Amino acid sequence: MKINQTVCEHAVKRVTELSEKCLFDHSGNKGSGYGENLAAGPTECEANVKLWTDEKPLYNSSNTEWQAEAGHYTQVVWKDSLDLCCAQASHCKYKTVTLCSYYPHGNVIGKFNDNV
């Protein structure tokens, strides 16, 4: 994966929206083509990525369906997601919110065996 300016613009826009509206929810892709991971609390991006990758033991490679308990992990390692960018913003309920955007999005039903 590599950092991509267009993905950075999307990540900054999304995390700013969450901050300004005091929201904390995934976009659900909504046709944007971007995948997304969110974290609240730890202020270092590395700490948040570790939280997401710590879901690895929860991933069952023999199950080719969506696994919510490992969804952050599978997006982080998704082979077809080539570009990413992370952004942070202050938040009314949480000290800091971290949002990482991935393009193209991962966690595609029917594609887990090829990408995780």
N, C-alpha and C. Protein backbone atom coordinates (compact mmCIF):
# COMPACT_ATOMS: atom_id res chain seq x y z
N MET A 1 0.84 -1.19 0.00
CA MET A 1 0.00 0.00 0.00
C MET A 1 0.87 1.24 0.00
N LYS A 2 0.31 2.28 -0.58
CA LYS A 2 1.04 3.55 -0.58
C LYS A 2 0.07 4.68 -0.23
N ILE A 3 0.62 5.74 0.31
CA ILE A 3 -0.18 6.92 0.63
C ILE A 3 -0.54 7.62 -0.68
N ASN A 4 -1.78 8.02 -0.79
CA ASN A 4 -2.29 8.63 -2.01
C ASN A 4 -2.99 9.94 -1.64
N GLN A 5 -2.66 11.02 -2.35
CA GLN A 5 -3.19 12.35 -2.02
C GLN A 5 -4.72 12.41 -2.11
N THR A 6 -5.29 11.78 -3.12
CA THR A 6 -6.75 11.79 -3.26
C THR A 6 -7.40 11.07 -2.09
N VAL A 7 -6.81 9.95 -1.68
CA VAL A 7 -7.34 9.22 -0.53
C VAL A 7 -7.17 10.05 0.74
N CYS A 8 -6.07 10.80 0.83
CA CYS A 8 -5.87 11.69 1.98
C CYS A 8 -6.95 12.77 2.04
N GLU A 9 -7.28 13.33 0.91
CA GLU A 9 -8.34 14.35 0.88
C GLU A 9 -9.66 13.76 1.37
N HIS A 10 -9.94 12.53 0.94
CA HIS A 10 -11.17 11.86 1.39
C HIS A 10 -11.12 11.61 2.90
N ALA A 11 -10.00 11.11 3.40
CA ALA A 11 -9.87 10.81 4.84
C ALA A 11 -10.03 12.07 5.68
N VAL A 12 -9.41 13.15 5.27
CA VAL A 12 -9.51 14.41 6.01
C VAL A 12 -10.95 14.91 6.00
N LYS A 13 -11.60 14.84 4.85
CA LYS A 13 -13.00 15.28 4.74
C LYS A 13 -13.89 14.47 5.68
N ARG A 14 -13.72 13.15 5.67
CA ARG A 14 -14.55 12.27 6.51
C ARG A 14 -14.31 12.50 7.99
N VAL A 15 -13.05 12.57 8.43
CA VAL A 15 -12.78 12.73 9.86
C VAL A 15 -13.21 14.12 10.33
N THR A 16 -13.11 15.11 9.47
CA THR A 16 -13.59 16.45 9.81
C THR A 16 -15.11 16.44 9.98
N GLU A 17 -15.80 15.74 9.10
CA GLU A 17 -17.25 15.61 9.22
C GLU A 17 -17.63 14.95 10.54
N LEU A 18 -16.94 13.88 10.89
CA LEU A 18 -17.22 13.19 12.15
C LEU A 18 -17.00 14.12 13.33
N SER A 19 -15.92 14.88 13.28
CA SER A 19 -15.59 15.81 14.36
C SER A 19 -16.65 16.91 14.47
N GLU A 20 -16.97 17.54 13.36
CA GLU A 20 -17.90 18.66 13.37
C GLU A 20 -19.32 18.26 13.77
N LYS A 21 -19.72 17.05 13.40
CA LYS A 21 -21.09 16.59 13.69
C LYS A 21 -21.16 15.73 14.95
N CYS A 22 -20.02 15.55 15.61
CA CYS A 22 -19.94 14.72 16.82
C CYS A 22 -20.47 13.31 16.55
N LEU A 23 -20.05 12.74 15.43
CA LEU A 23 -20.45 11.39 15.04
C LEU A 23 -19.28 10.44 15.19
N PHE A 24 -19.59 9.17 15.28
CA PHE A 24 -18.56 8.13 15.26
C PHE A 24 -19.18 6.90 14.61
N ASP A 25 -19.20 6.90 13.28
CA ASP A 25 -19.75 5.76 12.56
C ASP A 25 -19.07 5.62 11.20
N HIS A 26 -19.03 4.38 10.74
CA HIS A 26 -18.44 4.10 9.43
C HIS A 26 -19.34 4.64 8.33
N SER A 27 -18.72 5.01 7.25
CA SER A 27 -19.48 5.52 6.11
C SER A 27 -20.26 4.42 5.41
N GLY A 28 -19.82 3.17 5.59
CA GLY A 28 -20.47 2.06 4.90
C GLY A 28 -20.22 2.08 3.40
N ASN A 29 -19.15 2.73 3.00
CA ASN A 29 -18.75 2.91 1.60
C ASN A 29 -19.69 3.84 0.84
N LYS A 30 -20.98 3.67 0.99
CA LYS A 30 -21.98 4.53 0.35
C LYS A 30 -21.60 4.90 -1.08
N GLY A 31 -21.11 3.92 -1.81
CA GLY A 31 -20.79 4.15 -3.21
C GLY A 31 -19.50 4.92 -3.47
N SER A 32 -18.78 5.26 -2.41
CA SER A 32 -17.56 6.06 -2.58
C SER A 32 -16.39 5.24 -3.12
N GLY A 33 -16.44 3.93 -2.89
CA GLY A 33 -15.32 3.09 -3.29
C GLY A 33 -14.22 3.00 -2.25
N TYR A 34 -14.35 3.76 -1.15
CA TYR A 34 -13.34 3.76 -0.10
C TYR A 34 -13.72 2.82 1.03
N GLY A 35 -12.72 2.11 1.54
CA GLY A 35 -12.88 1.36 2.78
C GLY A 35 -12.48 2.26 3.93
N GLU A 36 -12.81 1.84 5.15
CA GLU A 36 -12.60 2.76 6.27
C GLU A 36 -12.44 1.99 7.57
N ASN A 37 -11.48 2.41 8.36
CA ASN A 37 -11.35 1.96 9.74
C ASN A 37 -11.39 3.18 10.63
N LEU A 38 -12.04 3.04 11.78
CA LEU A 38 -12.16 4.13 12.75
C LEU A 38 -11.66 3.67 14.10
N ALA A 39 -11.09 4.60 14.85
CA ALA A 39 -10.70 4.32 16.24
C ALA A 39 -10.86 5.60 17.04
N ALA A 40 -11.21 5.42 18.30
CA ALA A 40 -11.33 6.55 19.22
C ALA A 40 -10.46 6.28 20.42
N GLY A 41 -9.83 7.31 20.92
CA GLY A 41 -9.03 7.15 22.13
C GLY A 41 -7.56 7.36 21.91
N PRO A 42 -6.80 6.29 21.65
CA PRO A 42 -5.36 6.47 21.49
C PRO A 42 -5.06 7.51 20.42
N THR A 43 -4.12 8.37 20.70
CA THR A 43 -3.87 9.46 19.76
C THR A 43 -2.81 9.13 18.72
N GLU A 44 -2.11 8.05 18.86
CA GLU A 44 -1.08 7.69 17.89
C GLU A 44 -1.67 6.74 16.85
N CYS A 45 -1.47 7.06 15.59
CA CYS A 45 -1.99 6.21 14.52
C CYS A 45 -1.48 4.78 14.66
N GLU A 46 -0.21 4.63 15.02
CA GLU A 46 0.37 3.30 15.14
C GLU A 46 -0.37 2.46 16.17
N ALA A 47 -0.78 3.08 17.28
CA ALA A 47 -1.52 2.36 18.32
C ALA A 47 -2.87 1.89 17.80
N ASN A 48 -3.51 2.72 16.99
CA ASN A 48 -4.80 2.33 16.43
C ASN A 48 -4.65 1.21 15.41
N VAL A 49 -3.64 1.29 14.56
CA VAL A 49 -3.41 0.22 13.59
C VAL A 49 -3.13 -1.08 14.32
N LYS A 50 -2.41 -1.02 15.43
CA LYS A 50 -2.16 -2.23 16.23
C LYS A 50 -3.47 -2.80 16.76
N LEU A 51 -4.37 -1.95 17.23
CA LEU A 51 -5.68 -2.44 17.68
C LEU A 51 -6.39 -3.20 16.56
N TRP A 52 -6.31 -2.67 15.36
CA TRP A 52 -6.98 -3.32 14.23
C TRP A 52 -6.29 -4.62 13.85
N THR A 53 -4.96 -4.63 13.81
CA THR A 53 -4.26 -5.86 13.42
C THR A 53 -4.31 -6.91 14.52
N ASP A 54 -4.56 -6.50 15.74
CA ASP A 54 -4.71 -7.46 16.84
C ASP A 54 -5.97 -8.33 16.67
N GLU A 55 -6.82 -8.00 15.71
CA GLU A 55 -7.99 -8.82 15.42
C GLU A 55 -7.62 -10.07 14.61
N LYS A 56 -6.38 -10.19 14.18
CA LYS A 56 -5.97 -11.32 13.33
C LYS A 56 -6.39 -12.68 13.88
N PRO A 57 -6.19 -12.96 15.18
CA PRO A 57 -6.60 -14.28 15.69
C PRO A 57 -8.11 -14.54 15.58
N LEU A 58 -8.89 -13.50 15.41
CA LEU A 58 -10.34 -13.65 15.29
C LEU A 58 -10.78 -14.00 13.87
N TYR A 59 -9.85 -13.88 12.92
CA TYR A 59 -10.18 -14.17 11.53
C TYR A 59 -10.09 -15.66 11.27
N ASN A 60 -11.15 -16.22 10.72
CA ASN A 60 -11.22 -17.64 10.39
C ASN A 60 -11.07 -17.77 8.87
N SER A 61 -9.91 -18.21 8.43
CA SER A 61 -9.63 -18.27 6.98
C SER A 61 -10.49 -19.30 6.25
N SER A 62 -11.10 -20.23 6.96
CA SER A 62 -11.97 -21.20 6.29
C SER A 62 -13.38 -20.65 6.08
N ASN A 63 -13.67 -19.50 6.67
CA ASN A 63 -14.96 -18.84 6.49
C ASN A 63 -14.77 -17.73 5.45
N THR A 64 -15.40 -17.87 4.31
CA THR A 64 -15.21 -16.90 3.23
C THR A 64 -16.21 -15.75 3.27
N GLU A 65 -17.01 -15.69 4.32
CA GLU A 65 -18.00 -14.62 4.47
C GLU A 65 -17.44 -13.49 5.33
N TRP A 66 -18.16 -12.38 5.39
CA TRP A 66 -17.82 -11.24 6.24
C TRP A 66 -17.76 -11.68 7.69
N GLN A 67 -16.71 -11.28 8.40
CA GLN A 67 -16.54 -11.58 9.81
C GLN A 67 -16.35 -10.26 10.56
N ALA A 68 -17.42 -9.76 11.13
CA ALA A 68 -17.41 -8.44 11.76
C ALA A 68 -16.33 -8.30 12.82
N GLU A 69 -16.08 -9.37 13.57
CA GLU A 69 -15.11 -9.30 14.66
C GLU A 69 -13.67 -9.13 14.16
N ALA A 70 -13.44 -9.36 12.88
CA ALA A 70 -12.10 -9.21 12.30
C ALA A 70 -12.09 -8.22 11.15
N GLY A 71 -13.13 -7.44 11.01
CA GLY A 71 -13.28 -6.55 9.86
C GLY A 71 -12.23 -5.47 9.73
N HIS A 72 -11.75 -4.94 10.87
CA HIS A 72 -10.68 -3.94 10.80
C HIS A 72 -9.41 -4.59 10.26
N TYR A 73 -9.09 -5.77 10.81
CA TYR A 73 -7.89 -6.49 10.38
C TYR A 73 -7.94 -6.80 8.89
N THR A 74 -9.06 -7.34 8.42
CA THR A 74 -9.12 -7.74 7.01
C THR A 74 -9.00 -6.53 6.08
N GLN A 75 -9.51 -5.37 6.50
CA GLN A 75 -9.33 -4.18 5.66
C GLN A 75 -7.87 -3.75 5.64
N VAL A 76 -7.19 -3.80 6.77
CA VAL A 76 -5.78 -3.40 6.82
C VAL A 76 -4.93 -4.24 5.87
N VAL A 77 -5.18 -5.54 5.81
CA VAL A 77 -4.32 -6.43 5.02
C VAL A 77 -4.87 -6.72 3.62
N TRP A 78 -6.01 -6.19 3.27
CA TRP A 78 -6.67 -6.49 2.00
C TRP A 78 -5.74 -6.23 0.81
N LYS A 79 -5.39 -7.27 0.06
CA LYS A 79 -4.40 -7.16 -1.02
C LYS A 79 -4.81 -6.20 -2.13
N ASP A 80 -6.08 -6.16 -2.47
CA ASP A 80 -6.52 -5.29 -3.57
C ASP A 80 -6.64 -3.82 -3.18
N SER A 81 -6.57 -3.51 -1.89
CA SER A 81 -6.55 -2.10 -1.47
C SER A 81 -5.12 -1.60 -1.62
N LEU A 82 -4.90 -0.74 -2.58
CA LEU A 82 -3.54 -0.32 -2.94
C LEU A 82 -3.14 1.02 -2.34
N ASP A 83 -4.11 1.87 -2.05
CA ASP A 83 -3.82 3.22 -1.57
C ASP A 83 -4.51 3.45 -0.23
N LEU A 84 -3.87 4.25 0.61
CA LEU A 84 -4.46 4.56 1.90
C LEU A 84 -4.02 5.92 2.38
N CYS A 85 -4.71 6.39 3.40
CA CYS A 85 -4.31 7.58 4.12
C CYS A 85 -5.09 7.61 5.43
N CYS A 86 -4.43 8.07 6.48
CA CYS A 86 -5.07 8.20 7.78
C CYS A 86 -5.09 9.66 8.19
N ALA A 87 -6.14 10.04 8.89
CA ALA A 87 -6.29 11.41 9.37
C ALA A 87 -6.88 11.37 10.77
N GLN A 88 -6.62 12.41 11.54
CA GLN A 88 -7.14 12.49 12.90
C GLN A 88 -7.82 13.83 13.11
N ALA A 89 -8.75 13.84 14.07
CA ALA A 89 -9.42 15.08 14.46
C ALA A 89 -9.85 14.98 15.91
N SER A 90 -9.99 16.12 16.55
CA SER A 90 -10.54 16.13 17.90
C SER A 90 -12.02 15.79 17.81
N HIS A 91 -12.57 15.33 18.93
CA HIS A 91 -13.95 14.86 18.92
C HIS A 91 -14.63 15.24 20.22
N CYS A 92 -15.93 15.52 20.15
CA CYS A 92 -16.68 15.97 21.33
C CYS A 92 -16.79 14.90 22.41
N LYS A 93 -16.85 13.62 22.02
CA LYS A 93 -17.01 12.54 23.00
C LYS A 93 -15.69 11.83 23.30
N TYR A 94 -14.80 11.84 22.33
CA TYR A 94 -13.51 11.15 22.46
C TYR A 94 -12.43 12.20 22.26
N LYS A 95 -11.33 12.02 22.90
CA LYS A 95 -10.26 13.01 22.75
C LYS A 95 -9.87 13.16 21.28
N THR A 96 -9.67 12.03 20.64
CA THR A 96 -9.22 12.03 19.25
C THR A 96 -9.90 10.90 18.50
N VAL A 97 -10.21 11.14 17.24
CA VAL A 97 -10.72 10.09 16.36
C VAL A 97 -9.71 9.92 15.22
N THR A 98 -9.36 8.68 14.95
CA THR A 98 -8.49 8.35 13.82
C THR A 98 -9.33 7.64 12.77
N LEU A 99 -9.17 8.05 11.53
CA LEU A 99 -9.86 7.43 10.42
C LEU A 99 -8.83 7.10 9.35
N CYS A 100 -8.82 5.85 8.91
CA CYS A 100 -7.98 5.46 7.78
C CYS A 100 -8.89 5.08 6.63
N SER A 101 -8.62 5.67 5.47
CA SER A 101 -9.36 5.36 4.25
C SER A 101 -8.48 4.49 3.36
N TYR A 102 -9.10 3.53 2.69
CA TYR A 102 -8.40 2.59 1.81
C TYR A 102 -9.09 2.61 0.44
N TYR A 103 -8.27 2.54 -0.63
CA TYR A 103 -8.84 2.51 -1.96
C TYR A 103 -8.10 1.50 -2.83
N PRO A 104 -8.86 0.69 -3.56
CA PRO A 104 -10.29 0.48 -3.43
C PRO A 104 -10.61 -0.23 -2.12
N HIS A 105 -11.87 -0.15 -1.72
CA HIS A 105 -12.25 -0.72 -0.42
C HIS A 105 -12.07 -2.23 -0.41
N GLY A 106 -11.84 -2.75 0.78
CA GLY A 106 -11.72 -4.19 0.98
C GLY A 106 -13.00 -4.76 1.55
N ASN A 107 -12.86 -5.94 2.16
CA ASN A 107 -13.98 -6.64 2.78
C ASN A 107 -15.12 -6.87 1.79
N VAL A 108 -14.74 -7.33 0.60
CA VAL A 108 -15.71 -7.61 -0.45
C VAL A 108 -16.15 -9.07 -0.33
N ILE A 109 -17.45 -9.27 -0.16
CA ILE A 109 -17.98 -10.62 -0.04
C ILE A 109 -17.58 -11.43 -1.27
N GLY A 110 -17.10 -12.65 -1.02
CA GLY A 110 -16.67 -13.53 -2.10
C GLY A 110 -15.21 -13.35 -2.50
N LYS A 111 -14.52 -12.38 -1.91
CA LYS A 111 -13.13 -12.10 -2.29
C LYS A 111 -12.14 -12.30 -1.15
N PHE A 112 -12.60 -12.79 -0.01
CA PHE A 112 -11.73 -12.91 1.16
C PHE A 112 -10.56 -13.86 0.92
N ASN A 113 -10.80 -15.01 0.31
CA ASN A 113 -9.71 -15.97 0.09
C ASN A 113 -8.60 -15.39 -0.77
N ASP A 114 -8.92 -14.53 -1.70
CA ASP A 114 -7.93 -13.94 -2.59
C ASP A 114 -7.19 -12.76 -1.97
N ASN A 115 -7.72 -12.19 -0.90
CA ASN A 115 -7.19 -10.92 -0.40
C ASN A 115 -6.66 -10.92 1.02
N VAL A 116 -6.99 -11.92 1.81
CA VAL A 116 -6.53 -11.93 3.21
C VAL A 116 -5.53 -13.05 3.39
